[in-house]
Amino acid sequence: MPCIVVGGVGGSFLPSGMNKSSNQTIPNSTLTQIINWTADTATFPGSSVSSNGLVAQRNASAATLAVEWSVQNSGFTAVTVEVDFRVNTVSLGAPFIQSFVVDGSSTQIRTASVAGIALAEGDVVTVWARGVSGGGTRTLQTGGWMRITQP
């Protein structure tokens, strides 16, 4: 009986996702790994988390790495937060470091993303953050997410 195989060895790309499962304070100056994630297997079947990072399910030639967080700023002035994506603990470097501003005395949803990233099946993508300007305490709140997608 004939058999039809779709996709190459390892199969075609599969998106992955994880959700932030607890609040976390973002420190000033020092890049800190964002921790406490759970795999979002309801939206992205097969997703898994390793060492607080999202595991790539398949190879990707031009993946998009994205985060969305609700960020609380307890200070009276705006703060800037810098976001650094890492693959297998190695920073993607200056062209891919993103930043966003959170107004003073507010909680706002902020996103950061980078595109065109080559990933191999099993690579672990982590996200790191730090405050680079402004005072006050910056807190990532439970419920944010990180995703690996590909156009």
Foldseek 3Di string as FASTA:
>chain_A
DDDDDDADVLGDFFKWKKFAAFKDWAAAPDWDWRARIATPCVVGNPWGADPRFTFGQAWDQKKKKKKKFWKAFAAQAKWKKKKFKDKQNHTPDDVQIDMDIDGYGDIDIDMGMDIRDTDHGGITMTMIMHIHDDDGIMMTGGTMMIMIGHD
